[in-house]
Amino acid sequence: MTETTTIQVKQSTKEALEKMKIYKRETYNDVLERLIEEVQELNEGTKKEIELARKAVEEGRYVTHEKLKEEMGF
């Protein structure tokens, strides 16, 4: 059996977790594990996007706000 522990959360947090359940009998642990996994994936994806954006700027592949406004006639 997997070791477990008890944590304290505000009632509003518990209610939010309840709404995030995919199915009625899903455990809060399952909900939390899914959220943690999603955040970790987002963080990795965000890091990759930032690196690509930095490379684009270094290579001069960007448009300033001023240039964009000029091109759009503002």
Protein backbone atom coordinates (compact mmCIF):
# COMPACT_ATOMS: atom_id res chain seq x y z
CA MET A 1 0.00 0.00 0.00
CA THR A 2 1.19 3.50 -0.80
CA GLU A 3 2.07 5.70 2.13
CA THR A 4 -0.30 8.63 2.64
CA THR A 5 -0.49 11.74 4.74
CA THR A 6 -3.07 14.31 5.69
CA ILE A 7 -2.88 17.94 4.59
CA GLN A 8 -4.91 20.96 5.55
CA VAL A 9 -6.55 23.04 2.84
CA LYS A 10 -9.06 25.85 2.99
CA GLN A 11 -12.66 24.94 2.31
CA SER A 12 -12.56 27.02 -0.88
CA THR A 13 -9.54 25.00 -2.08
CA LYS A 14 -11.35 21.74 -1.40
CA GLU A 15 -14.37 23.01 -3.33
CA ALA A 16 -12.13 24.02 -6.26
CA LEU A 17 -10.52 20.56 -6.26
CA GLU A 18 -13.96 18.98 -6.19
CA LYS A 19 -14.93 20.91 -9.35
CA MET A 20 -11.73 19.73 -11.08
CA LYS A 21 -12.58 16.07 -10.71
CA ILE A 22 -12.96 14.30 -14.04
CA TYR A 23 -15.26 11.71 -12.53
CA LYS A 24 -17.20 11.61 -9.28
CA ARG A 25 -15.02 9.09 -7.43
CA GLU A 26 -11.67 10.56 -8.52
CA THR A 27 -9.53 11.19 -5.47
CA TYR A 28 -8.13 14.58 -4.53
CA ASN A 29 -4.70 13.00 -4.80
CA ASP A 30 -5.41 12.10 -8.43
CA VAL A 31 -6.59 15.65 -9.11
CA LEU A 32 -3.47 17.11 -7.50
CA GLU A 33 -1.15 14.74 -9.37
CA ARG A 34 -2.82 15.70 -12.67
CA LEU A 35 -2.44 19.41 -11.88
CA ILE A 36 1.21 18.99 -10.92
CA GLU A 37 1.91 17.11 -14.14
CA GLU A 38 0.19 19.81 -16.20
CA VAL A 39 2.19 22.57 -14.51
CA GLN A 40 5.45 20.72 -15.07
CA GLU A 41 4.62 20.23 -18.76
CA LEU A 42 3.64 23.88 -19.06
CA ASN A 43 6.90 24.94 -17.46
CA GLU A 44 8.94 22.84 -19.90
CA GLY A 45 6.94 24.13 -22.85
CA THR A 46 7.28 27.70 -21.66
CA LYS A 47 11.05 27.31 -21.27
CA LYS A 48 11.30 26.06 -24.86
CA GLU A 49 9.18 28.93 -26.17
CA ILE A 50 11.31 31.47 -24.31
CA GLU A 51 14.48 29.98 -25.77
CA LEU A 52 13.01 30.13 -29.29
CA ALA A 53 11.95 33.75 -28.75
CA ARG A 54 15.44 34.69 -27.52
CA LYS A 55 16.99 33.14 -30.62
CA ALA A 56 14.55 35.02 -32.85
CA VAL A 57 15.47 38.33 -31.21
CA GLU A 58 19.19 37.56 -31.47
CA GLU A 59 18.70 36.84 -35.18
CA GLY A 60 16.72 40.05 -35.67
CA ARG A 61 13.45 38.27 -36.42
CA TYR A 62 11.11 40.63 -34.60
CA VAL A 63 9.07 43.78 -35.18
CA THR A 64 8.99 46.65 -32.69
CA HIS A 65 5.69 48.15 -31.56
CA GLU A 66 6.62 51.38 -33.26
CA LYS A 67 7.35 49.63 -36.58
CA LEU A 68 4.13 47.60 -36.37
CA LYS A 69 2.05 50.71 -35.66
CA GLU A 70 3.71 52.45 -38.61
CA GLU A 71 2.99 49.49 -40.90
CA MET A 72 -0.63 49.39 -39.75
CA GLY A 73 -1.09 53.13 -40.21
CA PHE A 74 -1.54 54.13 -36.57
